[in-house]
Amino acid sequence: MIAREMLRHNETGMIPLGYVDDDVKKQHQRIAGVNVLGTIEDIPAIADSMKIDEIIITMPSETGNTIRRILNLANKAKIPCRTIPGLYDIASGVVIDRSDPKGGSRRSAPSRTGPAQYG
């Protein structure tokens, strides 16, 4: 879904170069027009060979261990990361900050700002 949005809205300047997935059935497949390039462990090599600017993690229901694994590999490759929250977290106003690769996870309370401030 995120890759499709990036492709649809090129004004963002974001181009999805590929996915990583540990599911062997998805290796060498295309999802939403974007190639699966390898597994999570392949992140440093893929980032180097493809000159990746940023990693966007779109796995909101994944375990903290997997997210930390991705953050650690991205950190070693010196690639910044962003995590896209799940629909429930967006709708409820709850945000989980998983940016600390050492395992720090922080859940912030829903804000009191209304949708008008985002328009």
PDB file of N, CA and C in Angstrom:
ATOM      1  N   MET A   1       0.816  -1.186   0.000  1.00  0.00           N
ATOM      2  CA  MET A   1       0.000   0.000   0.000  1.00  0.00           C
ATOM      3  C   MET A   1       0.868   1.261   0.000  1.00  0.00           C
ATOM      4  N   ILE A   2       1.899   1.292   0.822  1.00  0.00           N
ATOM      5  CA  ILE A   2       2.773   2.466   0.899  1.00  0.00           C
ATOM      6  C   ILE A   2       3.529   2.639  -0.418  1.00  0.00           C
ATOM      7  N   ALA A   3       4.022   1.540  -0.987  1.00  0.00           N
ATOM      8  CA  ALA A   3       4.749   1.621  -2.257  1.00  0.00           C
ATOM      9  C   ALA A   3       3.843   2.160  -3.351  1.00  0.00           C
ATOM     10  N   ARG A   4       2.600   1.700  -3.391  1.00  0.00           N
ATOM     11  CA  ARG A   4       1.656   2.200  -4.397  1.00  0.00           C
ATOM     12  C   ARG A   4       1.450   3.706  -4.249  1.00  0.00           C
ATOM     13  N   GLU A   5       1.322   4.167  -2.998  1.00  0.00           N
ATOM     14  CA  GLU A   5       1.140   5.597  -2.752  1.00  0.00           C
ATOM     15  C   GLU A   5       2.368   6.394  -3.207  1.00  0.00           C
ATOM     16  N   MET A   6       3.554   5.863  -2.950  1.00  0.00           N
ATOM     17  CA  MET A   6       4.775   6.543  -3.394  1.00  0.00           C
ATOM     18  C   MET A   6       4.804   6.642  -4.909  1.00  0.00           C
ATOM     19  N   LEU A   7       4.449   5.555  -5.581  1.00  0.00           N
ATOM     20  CA  LEU A   7       4.447   5.547  -7.043  1.00  0.00           C
ATOM     21  C   LEU A   7       3.379   6.479  -7.602  1.00  0.00           C
ATOM     22  N   ARG A   8       2.259   6.547  -6.924  1.00  0.00           N
ATOM     23  CA  ARG A   8       1.144   7.377  -7.372  1.00  0.00           C
ATOM     24  C   ARG A   8       1.421   8.871  -7.155  1.00  0.00           C
ATOM     25  N   HIS A   9       2.181   9.185  -6.117  1.00  0.00           N
ATOM     26  CA  HIS A   9       2.434  10.588  -5.752  1.00  0.00           C
ATOM     27  C   HIS A   9       3.925  10.895  -5.867  1.00  0.00           C
ATOM     28  N   ASN A  10       4.394  11.038  -7.082  1.00  0.00           N
ATOM     29  CA  ASN A  10       5.827  11.271  -7.271  1.00  0.00           C
ATOM     30  C   ASN A  10       6.288  12.631  -6.755  1.00  0.00           C
ATOM     31  N   GLU A  11       5.340  13.509  -6.406  1.00  0.00           N
ATOM     32  CA  GLU A  11       5.731  14.811  -5.852  1.00  0.00           C
ATOM     33  C   GLU A  11       6.412  14.678  -4.489  1.00  0.00           C
ATOM     34  N   THR A  12       6.280  13.518  -3.850  1.00  0.00           N
ATOM     35  CA  THR A  12       6.963  13.302  -2.569  1.00  0.00           C
ATOM     36  C   THR A  12       8.462  13.140  -2.752  1.00  0.00           C
ATOM     37  N   GLY A  13       8.874  12.793  -3.972  1.00  0.00           N
ATOM     38  CA  GLY A  13      10.292  12.561  -4.223  1.00  0.00           C
ATOM     39  C   GLY A  13      10.764  11.214  -3.712  1.00  0.00           C
ATOM     40  N   MET A  14       9.845  10.395  -3.255  1.00  0.00           N
ATOM     41  CA  MET A  14      10.198   9.073  -2.716  1.00  0.00           C
ATOM     42  C   MET A  14       9.922   8.013  -3.778  1.00  0.00           C
ATOM     43  N   ILE A  15      10.920   7.183  -4.031  1.00  0.00           N
ATOM     44  CA  ILE A  15      10.798   6.120  -5.021  1.00  0.00           C
ATOM     45  C   ILE A  15      11.061   4.791  -4.325  1.00  0.00           C
ATOM     46  N   PRO A  16      10.066   3.908  -4.295  1.00  0.00           N
ATOM     47  CA  PRO A  16      10.305   2.600  -3.656  1.00  0.00           C
ATOM     48  C   PRO A  16      11.219   1.750  -4.540  1.00  0.00           C
ATOM     49  N   LEU A  17      12.368   1.381  -4.005  1.00  0.00           N
ATOM     50  CA  LEU A  17      13.326   0.602  -4.784  1.00  0.00           C
ATOM     51  C   LEU A  17      13.146  -0.894  -4.581  1.00  0.00           C
ATOM     52  N   GLY A  18      12.549  -1.289  -3.461  1.00  0.00           N
ATOM     53  CA  GLY A  18      12.340  -2.714  -3.234  1.00  0.00           C
ATOM     54  C   GLY A  18      11.923  -2.997  -1.818  1.00  0.00           C
ATOM     55  N   TYR A  19      11.531  -4.248  -1.638  1.00  0.00           N
ATOM     56  CA  TYR A  19      11.143  -4.765  -0.324  1.00  0.00           C
ATOM     57  C   TYR A  19      12.185  -5.757   0.154  1.00  0.00           C
ATOM     58  N   VAL A  20      12.213  -5.988   1.455  1.00  0.00           N
ATOM     59  CA  VAL A  20      12.886  -7.159   2.006  1.00  0.00           C
ATOM     60  C   VAL A  20      11.830  -7.943   2.778  1.00  0.00           C
ATOM     61  N   ASP A  21      11.950  -9.250   2.734  1.00  0.00           N
ATOM     62  CA  ASP A  21      10.987 -10.107   3.418  1.00  0.00           C
ATOM     63  C   ASP A  21      11.654 -11.435   3.708  1.00  0.00           C
ATOM     64  N   ASP A  22      11.477 -11.944   4.922  1.00  0.00           N
ATOM     65  CA  ASP A  22      12.071 -13.225   5.291  1.00  0.00           C
ATOM     66  C   ASP A  22      11.285 -14.422   4.774  1.00  0.00           C
ATOM     67  N   ASP A  23      10.121 -14.200   4.212  1.00  0.00           N
ATOM     68  CA  ASP A  23       9.309 -15.284   3.651  1.00  0.00           C
ATOM     69  C   ASP A  23       9.948 -15.735   2.330  1.00  0.00           C
ATOM     70  N   VAL A  24      10.437 -16.989   2.303  1.00  0.00           N
ATOM     71  CA  VAL A  24      11.122 -17.482   1.103  1.00  0.00           C
ATOM     72  C   VAL A  24      10.207 -17.524  -0.116  1.00  0.00           C
ATOM     73  N   LYS A  25       8.903 -17.656   0.091  1.00  0.00           N
ATOM     74  CA  LYS A  25       7.955 -17.685  -1.031  1.00  0.00           C
ATOM     75  C   LYS A  25       7.862 -16.326  -1.733  1.00  0.00           C
ATOM     76  N   LYS A  26       8.234 -15.264  -1.041  1.00  0.00           N
ATOM     77  CA  LYS A  26       8.142 -13.924  -1.633  1.00  0.00           C
ATOM     78  C   LYS A  26       9.437 -13.491  -2.316  1.00  0.00           C
ATOM     79  N   GLN A  27      10.515 -14.244  -2.123  1.00  0.00           N
ATOM     80  CA  GLN A  27      11.788 -13.873  -2.724  1.00  0.00           C
ATOM     81  C   GLN A  27      11.670 -13.861  -4.241  1.00  0.00           C
ATOM     82  N   HIS A  28      12.237 -12.833  -4.858  1.00  0.00           N
ATOM     83  CA  HIS A  28      12.258 -12.650  -6.309  1.00  0.00           C
ATOM     84  C   HIS A  28      10.862 -12.436  -6.902  1.00  0.00           C
ATOM     85  N   GLN A  29       9.919 -12.019  -6.077  1.00  0.00           N
ATOM     86  CA  GLN A  29       8.572 -11.696  -6.546  1.00  0.00           C
ATOM     87  C   GLN A  29       8.439 -10.177  -6.668  1.00  0.00           C
ATOM     88  N   ARG A  30       7.326  -9.742  -7.251  1.00  0.00           N
ATOM     89  CA  ARG A  30       6.985  -8.322  -7.312  1.00  0.00           C
ATOM     90  C   ARG A  30       5.705  -8.125  -6.517  1.00  0.00           C
ATOM     91  N   ILE A  31       5.706  -7.120  -5.669  1.00  0.00           N
ATOM     92  CA  ILE A  31       4.528  -6.774  -4.877  1.00  0.00           C
ATOM     93  C   ILE A  31       4.204  -5.317  -5.203  1.00  0.00           C
ATOM     94  N   ALA A  32       2.998  -5.083  -5.675  1.00  0.00           N
ATOM     95  CA  ALA A  32       2.563  -3.735  -6.063  1.00  0.00           C
ATOM     96  C   ALA A  32       3.561  -3.087  -7.020  1.00  0.00           C
ATOM     97  N   GLY A  33       4.137  -3.894  -7.908  1.00  0.00           N
ATOM     98  CA  GLY A  33       5.061  -3.379  -8.905  1.00  0.00           C
ATOM     99  C   GLY A  33       6.474  -3.149  -8.418  1.00  0.00           C
ATOM    100  N   VAL A  34       6.788  -3.598  -7.205  1.00  0.00           N
ATOM    101  CA  VAL A  34       8.105  -3.378  -6.620  1.00  0.00           C
ATOM    102  C   VAL A  34       8.711  -4.738  -6.264  1.00  0.00           C
ATOM    103  N   ASN A  35       9.987  -4.938  -6.590  1.00  0.00           N
ATOM    104  CA  ASN A  35      10.656  -6.224  -6.368  1.00  0.00           C
ATOM    105  C   ASN A  35      10.966  -6.494  -4.899  1.00  0.00           C
ATOM    106  N   VAL A  36      10.869  -7.761  -4.513  1.00  0.00           N
ATOM    107  CA  VAL A  36      11.390  -8.222  -3.227  1.00  0.00           C
ATOM    108  C   VAL A  36      12.859  -8.535  -3.493  1.00  0.00           C
ATOM    109  N   LEU A  37      13.744  -7.816  -2.818  1.00  0.00           N
ATOM    110  CA  LEU A  37      15.178  -7.856  -3.121  1.00  0.00           C
ATOM    111  C   LEU A  37      15.966  -8.858  -2.289  1.00  0.00           C
ATOM    112  N   GLY A  38      15.398  -9.297  -1.179  1.00  0.00           N
ATOM    113  CA  GLY A  38      16.113 -10.220  -0.311  1.00  0.00           C
ATOM    114  C   GLY A  38      15.445 -10.302   1.039  1.00  0.00           C
ATOM    115  N   THR A  39      16.207 -10.744   2.022  1.00  0.00           N
ATOM    116  CA  THR A  39      15.703 -10.903   3.381  1.00  0.00           C
ATOM    117  C   THR A  39      16.145  -9.723   4.245  1.00  0.00           C
ATOM    118  N   ILE A  40      15.657  -9.697   5.454  1.00  0.00           N
ATOM    119  CA  ILE A  40      16.044  -8.636   6.392  1.00  0.00           C
ATOM    120  C   ILE A  40      17.563  -8.607   6.580  1.00  0.00           C
ATOM    121  N   GLU A  41      18.176  -9.772   6.671  1.00  0.00           N
ATOM    122  CA  GLU A  41      19.634  -9.833   6.866  1.00  0.00           C
ATOM    123  C   GLU A  41      20.404  -9.255   5.681  1.00  0.00           C
ATOM    124  N   ASP A  42      19.766  -9.149   4.527  1.00  0.00           N
ATOM    125  CA  ASP A  42      20.409  -8.604   3.333  1.00  0.00           C
ATOM    126  C   ASP A  42      20.397  -7.078   3.293  1.00  0.00           C
ATOM    127  N   ILE A  43      19.774  -6.431   4.268  1.00  0.00           N
ATOM    128  CA  ILE A  43      19.631  -4.967   4.248  1.00  0.00           C
ATOM    129  C   ILE A  43      20.962  -4.239   4.023  1.00  0.00           C
ATOM    130  N   PRO A  44      22.034  -4.550   4.754  1.00  0.00           N
ATOM    131  CA  PRO A  44      23.278  -3.785   4.520  1.00  0.00           C
ATOM    132  C   PRO A  44      23.800  -3.902   3.086  1.00  0.00           C
ATOM    133  N   ALA A  45      23.779  -5.105   2.528  1.00  0.00           N
ATOM    134  CA  ALA A  45      24.280  -5.303   1.160  1.00  0.00           C
ATOM    135  C   ALA A  45      23.378  -4.613   0.146  1.00  0.00           C
ATOM    136  N   ILE A  46      22.065  -4.712   0.331  1.00  0.00           N
ATOM    137  CA  ILE A  46      21.123  -4.062  -0.584  1.00  0.00           C
ATOM    138  C   ILE A  46      21.275  -2.545  -0.496  1.00  0.00           C
ATOM    139  N   ALA A  47      21.372  -2.028   0.717  1.00  0.00           N
ATOM    140  CA  ALA A  47      21.513  -0.583   0.911  1.00  0.00           C
ATOM    141  C   ALA A  47      22.771  -0.062   0.227  1.00  0.00           C
ATOM    142  N   ASP A  48      23.845  -0.833   0.304  1.00  0.00           N
ATOM    143  CA  ASP A  48      25.104  -0.423  -0.321  1.00  0.00           C
ATOM    144  C   ASP A  48      25.017  -0.512  -1.836  1.00  0.00           C
ATOM    145  N   SER A  49      24.531  -1.617  -2.356  1.00  0.00           N
ATOM    146  CA  SER A  49      24.524  -1.804  -3.811  1.00  0.00           C
ATOM    147  C   SER A  49      23.509  -0.906  -4.515  1.00  0.00           C
ATOM    148  N   MET A  50      22.418  -0.565  -3.846  1.00  0.00           N
ATOM    149  CA  MET A  50      21.376   0.246  -4.485  1.00  0.00           C
ATOM    150  C   MET A  50      21.401   1.705  -4.036  1.00  0.00           C
ATOM    151  N   LYS A  51      22.344   2.065  -3.190  1.00  0.00           N
ATOM    152  CA  LYS A  51      22.470   3.448  -2.705  1.00  0.00           C
ATOM    153  C   LYS A  51      21.158   3.934  -2.083  1.00  0.00           C
ATOM    154  N   ILE A  52      20.658   3.167  -1.125  1.00  0.00           N
ATOM    155  CA  ILE A  52      19.404   3.467  -0.442  1.00  0.00           C
ATOM    156  C   ILE A  52      19.576   4.704   0.437  1.00  0.00           C
ATOM    157  N   ASP A  53      18.612   5.634   0.368  1.00  0.00           N
ATOM    158  CA  ASP A  53      18.642   6.850   1.188  1.00  0.00           C
ATOM    159  C   ASP A  53      17.930   6.659   2.521  1.00  0.00           C
ATOM    160  N   GLU A  54      16.915   5.804   2.534  1.00  0.00           N
ATOM    161  CA  GLU A  54      16.081   5.667   3.727  1.00  0.00           C
ATOM    162  C   GLU A  54      15.357   4.328   3.674  1.00  0.00           C
ATOM    163  N   ILE A  55      15.125   3.762   4.844  1.00  0.00           N
ATOM    164  CA  ILE A  55      14.334   2.540   4.963  1.00  0.00           C
ATOM    165  C   ILE A  55      13.019   2.906   5.630  1.00  0.00           C
ATOM    166  N   ILE A  56      11.927   2.483   5.023  1.00  0.00           N
ATOM    167  CA  ILE A  56      10.612   2.705   5.605  1.00  0.00           C
ATOM    168  C   ILE A  56      10.067   1.351   6.029  1.00  0.00           C
ATOM    169  N   ILE A  57       9.827   1.209   7.310  1.00  0.00           N
ATOM    170  CA  ILE A  57       9.334  -0.050   7.871  1.00  0.00           C
ATOM    171  C   ILE A  57       7.812  -0.004   7.863  1.00  0.00           C
ATOM    172  N   THR A  58       7.215  -0.908   7.113  1.00  0.00           N
ATOM    173  CA  THR A  58       5.754  -0.944   6.984  1.00  0.00           C
ATOM    174  C   THR A  58       5.220  -2.262   7.524  1.00  0.00           C
ATOM    175  N   MET A  59       5.628  -2.589   8.723  1.00  0.00           N
ATOM    176  CA  MET A  59       5.236  -3.845   9.365  1.00  0.00           C
ATOM    177  C   MET A  59       4.667  -3.553  10.747  1.00  0.00           C
ATOM    178  N   PRO A  60       3.538  -2.869  10.847  1.00  0.00           N
ATOM    179  CA  PRO A  60       3.053  -2.408  12.143  1.00  0.00           C
ATOM    180  C   PRO A  60       2.713  -3.513  13.130  1.00  0.00           C
ATOM    181  N   SER A  61       2.383  -4.696  12.660  1.00  0.00           N
ATOM    182  CA  SER A  61       2.014  -5.769  13.587  1.00  0.00           C
ATOM    183  C   SER A  61       3.183  -6.689  13.914  1.00  0.00           C
ATOM    184  N   GLU A  62       4.353  -6.389  13.376  1.00  0.00           N
ATOM    185  CA  GLU A  62       5.519  -7.235  13.612  1.00  0.00           C
ATOM    186  C   GLU A  62       6.024  -7.073  15.042  1.00  0.00           C
ATOM    187  N   THR A  63       6.726  -8.082  15.528  1.00  0.00           N
ATOM    188  CA  THR A  63       7.240  -8.054  16.898  1.00  0.00           C
ATOM    189  C   THR A  63       8.335  -7.002  17.049  1.00  0.00           C
ATOM    190  N   GLY A  64       8.521  -6.587  18.273  1.00  0.00           N
ATOM    191  CA  GLY A  64       9.584  -5.633  18.577  1.00  0.00           C
ATOM    192  C   GLY A  64      10.952  -6.174  18.215  1.00  0.00           C
ATOM    193  N   ASN A  65      11.153  -7.494  18.396  1.00  0.00           N
ATOM    194  CA  ASN A  65      12.457  -8.090  18.059  1.00  0.00           C
ATOM    195  C   ASN A  65      12.781  -7.933  16.582  1.00  0.00           C
ATOM    196  N   THR A  66      11.806  -8.141  15.727  1.00  0.00           N
ATOM    197  CA  THR A  66      12.042  -8.005  14.281  1.00  0.00           C
ATOM    198  C   THR A  66      12.310  -6.556  13.921  1.00  0.00           C
ATOM    199  N   ILE A  67      11.546  -5.645  14.494  1.00  0.00           N
ATOM    200  CA  ILE A  67      11.760  -4.221  14.218  1.00  0.00           C
ATOM    201  C   ILE A  67      13.146  -3.803  14.692  1.00  0.00           C
ATOM    202  N   ARG A  68      13.547  -4.242  15.885  1.00  0.00           N
ATOM    203  CA  ARG A  68      14.887  -3.912  16.392  1.00  0.00           C
ATOM    204  C   ARG A  68      15.973  -4.498  15.488  1.00  0.00           C
ATOM    205  N   ARG A  69      15.748  -5.699  14.966  1.00  0.00           N
ATOM    206  CA  ARG A  69      16.699  -6.325  14.049  1.00  0.00           C
ATOM    207  C   ARG A  69      16.881  -5.440  12.805  1.00  0.00           C
ATOM    208  N   ILE A  70      15.790  -4.960  12.266  1.00  0.00           N
ATOM    209  CA  ILE A  70      15.858  -4.078  11.094  1.00  0.00           C
ATOM    210  C   ILE A  70      16.575  -2.782  11.448  1.00  0.00           C
ATOM    211  N   LEU A  71      16.214  -2.187  12.586  1.00  0.00           N
ATOM    212  CA  LEU A  71      16.852  -0.937  13.006  1.00  0.00           C
ATOM    213  C   LEU A  71      18.345  -1.119  13.225  1.00  0.00           C
ATOM    214  N   ASN A  72      18.751  -2.234  13.813  1.00  0.00           N
ATOM    215  CA  ASN A  72      20.179  -2.493  14.025  1.00  0.00           C
ATOM    216  C   ASN A  72      20.920  -2.627  12.704  1.00  0.00           C
ATOM    217  N   LEU A  73      20.353  -3.369  11.759  1.00  0.00           N
ATOM    218  CA  LEU A  73      20.996  -3.530  10.450  1.00  0.00           C
ATOM    219  C   LEU A  73      21.054  -2.204   9.693  1.00  0.00           C
ATOM    220  N   ALA A  74      19.994  -1.431   9.780  1.00  0.00           N
ATOM    221  CA  ALA A  74      19.976  -0.122   9.127  1.00  0.00           C
ATOM    222  C   ALA A  74      21.000   0.809   9.770  1.00  0.00           C
ATOM    223  N   ASN A  75      21.098   0.747  11.090  1.00  0.00           N
ATOM    224  CA  ASN A  75      22.065   1.565  11.811  1.00  0.00           C
ATOM    225  C   ASN A  75      23.495   1.213  11.385  1.00  0.00           C
ATOM    226  N   LYS A  76      23.787  -0.077  11.265  1.00  0.00           N
ATOM    227  CA  LYS A  76      25.118  -0.507  10.818  1.00  0.00           C
ATOM    228  C   LYS A  76      25.408  -0.012   9.404  1.00  0.00           C
ATOM    229  N   ALA A  77      24.372   0.037   8.572  1.00  0.00           N
ATOM    230  CA  ALA A  77      24.533   0.512   7.195  1.00  0.00           C
ATOM    231  C   ALA A  77      24.450   2.035   7.101  1.00  0.00           C
ATOM    232  N   LYS A  78      24.214   2.688   8.254  1.00  0.00           N
ATOM    233  CA  LYS A  78      24.092   4.151   8.323  1.00  0.00           C
ATOM    234  C   LYS A  78      22.961   4.673   7.429  1.00  0.00           C
ATOM    235  N   ILE A  79      21.831   3.962   7.479  1.00  0.00           N
ATOM    236  CA  ILE A  79      20.650   4.339   6.712  1.00  0.00           C
ATOM    237  C   ILE A  79      19.557   4.732   7.697  1.00  0.00           C
ATOM    238  N   PRO A  80      19.001   5.935   7.583  1.00  0.00           N
ATOM    239  CA  PRO A  80      17.906   6.332   8.479  1.00  0.00           C
ATOM    240  C   PRO A  80      16.650   5.502   8.196  1.00  0.00           C
ATOM    241  N   CYS A  81      15.838   5.335   9.243  1.00  0.00           N
ATOM    242  CA  CYS A  81      14.602   4.543   9.145  1.00  0.00           C
ATOM    243  C   CYS A  81      13.410   5.354   9.616  1.00  0.00           C
ATOM    244  N   ARG A  82      12.268   5.004   9.052  1.00  0.00           N
ATOM    245  CA  ARG A  82      10.976   5.493   9.533  1.00  0.00           C
ATOM    246  C   ARG A  82      10.058   4.295   9.647  1.00  0.00           C
ATOM    247  N   THR A  83       9.183   4.324  10.636  1.00  0.00           N
ATOM    248  CA  THR A  83       8.192   3.268  10.807  1.00  0.00           C
ATOM    249  C   THR A  83       6.819   3.848  10.525  1.00  0.00           C
ATOM    250  N   ILE A  84       6.076   3.196   9.656  1.00  0.00           N
ATOM    251  CA  ILE A  84       4.713   3.607   9.354  1.00  0.00           C
ATOM    252  C   ILE A  84       3.798   2.898  10.350  1.00  0.00           C
ATOM    253  N   PRO A  85       3.021   3.637  11.125  1.00  0.00           N
ATOM    254  CA  PRO A  85       2.137   2.998  12.108  1.00  0.00           C
ATOM    255  C   PRO A  85       0.988   2.261  11.424  1.00  0.00           C
ATOM    256  N   GLY A  86       0.394   1.333  12.147  1.00  0.00           N
ATOM    257  CA  GLY A  86      -0.767   0.613  11.649  1.00  0.00           C
ATOM    258  C   GLY A  86      -2.008   1.484  11.660  1.00  0.00           C
ATOM    259  N   LEU A  87      -3.023   1.064  10.933  1.00  0.00           N
ATOM    260  CA  LEU A  87      -4.264   1.828  10.835  1.00  0.00           C
ATOM    261  C   LEU A  87      -4.897   2.046  12.199  1.00  0.00           C
ATOM    262  N   TYR A  88      -4.892   1.022  13.067  1.00  0.00           N
ATOM    263  CA  TYR A  88      -5.484   1.177  14.397  1.00  0.00           C
ATOM    264  C   TYR A  88      -4.750   2.262  15.188  1.00  0.00           C
ATOM    265  N   ASP A  89      -3.414   2.248  15.117  1.00  0.00           N
ATOM    266  CA  ASP A  89      -2.641   3.257  15.850  1.00  0.00           C
ATOM    267  C   ASP A  89      -2.918   4.657  15.333  1.00  0.00           C
ATOM    268  N   ILE A  90      -3.071   4.781  14.022  1.00  0.00           N
ATOM    269  CA  ILE A  90      -3.377   6.093  13.446  1.00  0.00           C
ATOM    270  C   ILE A  90      -4.761   6.545  13.898  1.00  0.00           C
ATOM    271  N   ALA A  91      -5.735   5.652  13.791  1.00  0.00           N
ATOM    272  CA  ALA A  91      -7.119   6.006  14.135  1.00  0.00           C
ATOM    273  C   ALA A  91      -7.275   6.331  15.615  1.00  0.00           C
ATOM    274  N   SER A  92      -6.526   5.621  16.466  1.00  0.00           N
ATOM    275  CA  SER A  92      -6.665   5.846  17.904  1.00  0.00           C
ATOM    276  C   SER A  92      -5.779   6.978  18.404  1.00  0.00           C
ATOM    277  N   GLY A  93      -4.880   7.458  17.559  1.00  0.00           N
ATOM    278  CA  GLY A  93      -3.994   8.541  17.968  1.00  0.00           C
ATOM    279  C   GLY A  93      -2.800   8.079  18.769  1.00  0.00           C
ATOM    280  N   VAL A  94      -2.587   6.770  18.859  1.00  0.00           N
ATOM    281  CA  VAL A  94      -1.455   6.229  19.608  1.00  0.00           C
ATOM    282  C   VAL A  94      -0.282   6.065  18.660  1.00  0.00           C
ATOM    283  N   VAL A  95       0.883   6.537  19.081  1.00  0.00           N
ATOM    284  CA  VAL A  95       2.080   6.419  18.263  1.00  0.00           C
ATOM    285  C   VAL A  95       3.127   5.652  19.062  1.00  0.00           C
ATOM    286  N   ILE A  96       3.746   4.668  18.413  1.00  0.00           N
ATOM    287  CA  ILE A  96       4.829   3.913  19.047  1.00  0.00           C
ATOM    288  C   ILE A  96       6.127   4.346  18.397  1.00  0.00           C
ATOM    289  N   ASP A  97       7.054   4.836  19.210  1.00  0.00           N
ATOM    290  CA  ASP A  97       8.356   5.255  18.704  1.00  0.00           C
ATOM    291  C   ASP A  97       9.314   4.082  18.868  1.00  0.00           C
ATOM    292  N   ARG A  98       9.686   3.474  17.751  1.00  0.00           N
ATOM    293  CA  ARG A  98      10.601   2.334  17.781  1.00  0.00           C
ATOM    294  C   ARG A  98      11.951   2.724  17.204  1.00  0.00           C
ATOM    295  N   SER A  99      12.288   3.968  17.277  1.00  0.00           N
ATOM    296  CA  SER A  99      13.508   4.443  16.634  1.00  0.00           C
ATOM    297  C   SER A  99      14.777   4.058  17.382  1.00  0.00           C
ATOM    298  N   ASP A 100      14.670   3.584  18.607  1.00  0.00           N
ATOM    299  CA  ASP A 100      15.850   3.213  19.370  1.00  0.00           C
ATOM    300  C   ASP A 100      16.207   1.757  19.080  1.00  0.00           C
ATOM    301  N   PRO A 101      17.304   1.500  18.356  1.00  0.00           N
ATOM    302  CA  PRO A 101      17.653   0.132  18.005  1.00  0.00           C
ATOM    303  C   PRO A 101      18.032  -0.734  19.199  1.00  0.00           C
ATOM    304  N   LYS A 102      18.272  -0.128  20.364  1.00  0.00           N
ATOM    305  CA  LYS A 102      18.616  -0.913  21.544  1.00  0.00           C
ATOM    306  C   LYS A 102      17.381  -1.481  22.226  1.00  0.00           C
ATOM    307  N   GLY A 103      16.232  -1.199  21.668  1.00  0.00           N
ATOM    308  CA  GLY A 103      15.024  -1.804  22.213  1.00  0.00           C
ATOM    309  C   GLY A 103      14.092  -0.846  22.903  1.00  0.00           C
ATOM    310  N   GLY A 104      14.463   0.397  22.992  1.00  0.00           N
ATOM    311  CA  GLY A 104      13.575   1.369  23.613  1.00  0.00           C
ATOM    312  C   GLY A 104      12.337   1.562  22.759  1.00  0.00           C
ATOM    313  N   SER A 105      11.210   1.415  23.347  1.00  0.00           N
ATOM    314  CA  SER A 105       9.954   1.599  22.627  1.00  0.00           C
ATOM    315  C   SER A 105       9.086   2.489  23.488  1.00  0.00           C
ATOM    316  N   ARG A 106       8.561   3.514  22.885  1.00  0.00           N
ATOM    317  CA  ARG A 106       7.789   4.466  23.661  1.00  0.00           C
ATOM    318  C   ARG A 106       6.439   4.651  23.004  1.00  0.00           C
ATOM    319  N   ARG A 107       5.389   4.526  23.782  1.00  0.00           N
ATOM    320  CA  ARG A 107       4.033   4.731  23.272  1.00  0.00           C
ATOM    321  C   ARG A 107       3.570   6.075  23.813  1.00  0.00           C
ATOM    322  N   SER A 108       3.168   6.948  22.905  1.00  0.00           N
ATOM    323  CA  SER A 108       2.714   8.247  23.370  1.00  0.00           C
ATOM    324  C   SER A 108       1.196   8.293  23.385  1.00  0.00           C
ATOM    325  N   ALA A 109       0.685   9.082  24.285  1.00  0.00           N
ATOM    326  CA  ALA A 109      -0.765   9.206  24.443  1.00  0.00           C
ATOM    327  C   ALA A 109      -1.365   9.935  23.258  1.00  0.00           C
ATOM    328  N   PRO A 110      -2.627   9.689  22.993  1.00  0.00           N
ATOM    329  CA  PRO A 110      -3.292  10.427  21.920  1.00  0.00           C
ATOM    330  C   PRO A 110      -3.224  11.924  22.177  1.00  0.00           C
ATOM    331  N   SER A 111      -3.012  12.681  21.114  1.00  0.00           N
ATOM    332  CA  SER A 111      -2.928  14.129  21.268  1.00  0.00           C
ATOM    333  C   SER A 111      -4.349  14.710  21.288  1.00  0.00           C
ATOM    334  N   ARG A 112      -4.435  15.942  21.738  1.00  0.00           N
ATOM    335  CA  ARG A 112      -5.718  16.611  21.781  1.00  0.00           C
ATOM    336  C   ARG A 112      -5.942  17.486  20.563  1.00  0.00           C
ATOM    337  N   THR A 113      -5.021  17.432  19.609  1.00  0.00           N
ATOM    338  CA  THR A 113      -5.203  18.250  18.415  1.00  0.00           C
ATOM    339  C   THR A 113      -6.222  17.610  17.505  1.00  0.00           C
ATOM    340  N   GLY A 114      -6.971  18.429  16.827  1.00  0.00           N
ATOM    341  CA  GLY A 114      -8.001  17.936  15.937  1.00  0.00           C
ATOM    342  C   GLY A 114      -7.516  17.786  14.512  1.00  0.00           C
ATOM    343  N   PRO A 115      -8.260  17.087  13.691  1.00  0.00           N
ATOM    344  CA  PRO A 115      -7.861  16.870  12.314  1.00  0.00           C
ATOM    345  C   PRO A 115      -7.678  18.147  11.513  1.00  0.00           C
ATOM    346  N   ALA A 116      -8.337  19.224  11.899  1.00  0.00           N
ATOM    347  CA  ALA A 116      -8.211  20.471  11.158  1.00  0.00           C
ATOM    348  C   ALA A 116      -6.773  20.972  11.118  1.00  0.00           C
ATOM    349  N   GLN A 117      -5.978  20.622  12.123  1.00  0.00           N
ATOM    350  CA  GLN A 117      -4.599  21.076  12.156  1.00  0.00           C
ATOM    351  C   GLN A 117      -3.718  20.352  11.144  1.00  0.00           C
ATOM    352  N   TYR A 118      -4.205  19.267  10.574  1.00  0.00           N
ATOM    353  CA  TYR A 118      -3.405  18.526   9.606  1.00  0.00           C
ATOM    354  C   TYR A 118      -3.758  18.890   8.181  1.00  0.00           C
ATOM    355  N   GLY A 119      -4.820  19.643   7.978  1.00  0.00           N
ATOM    356  CA  GLY A 119      -5.302  19.941   6.635  1.00  0.00           C
ATOM    357  C   GLY A 119      -4.565  21.041   6.009  1.00  0.00           C
TER     358      GLY A 119
END
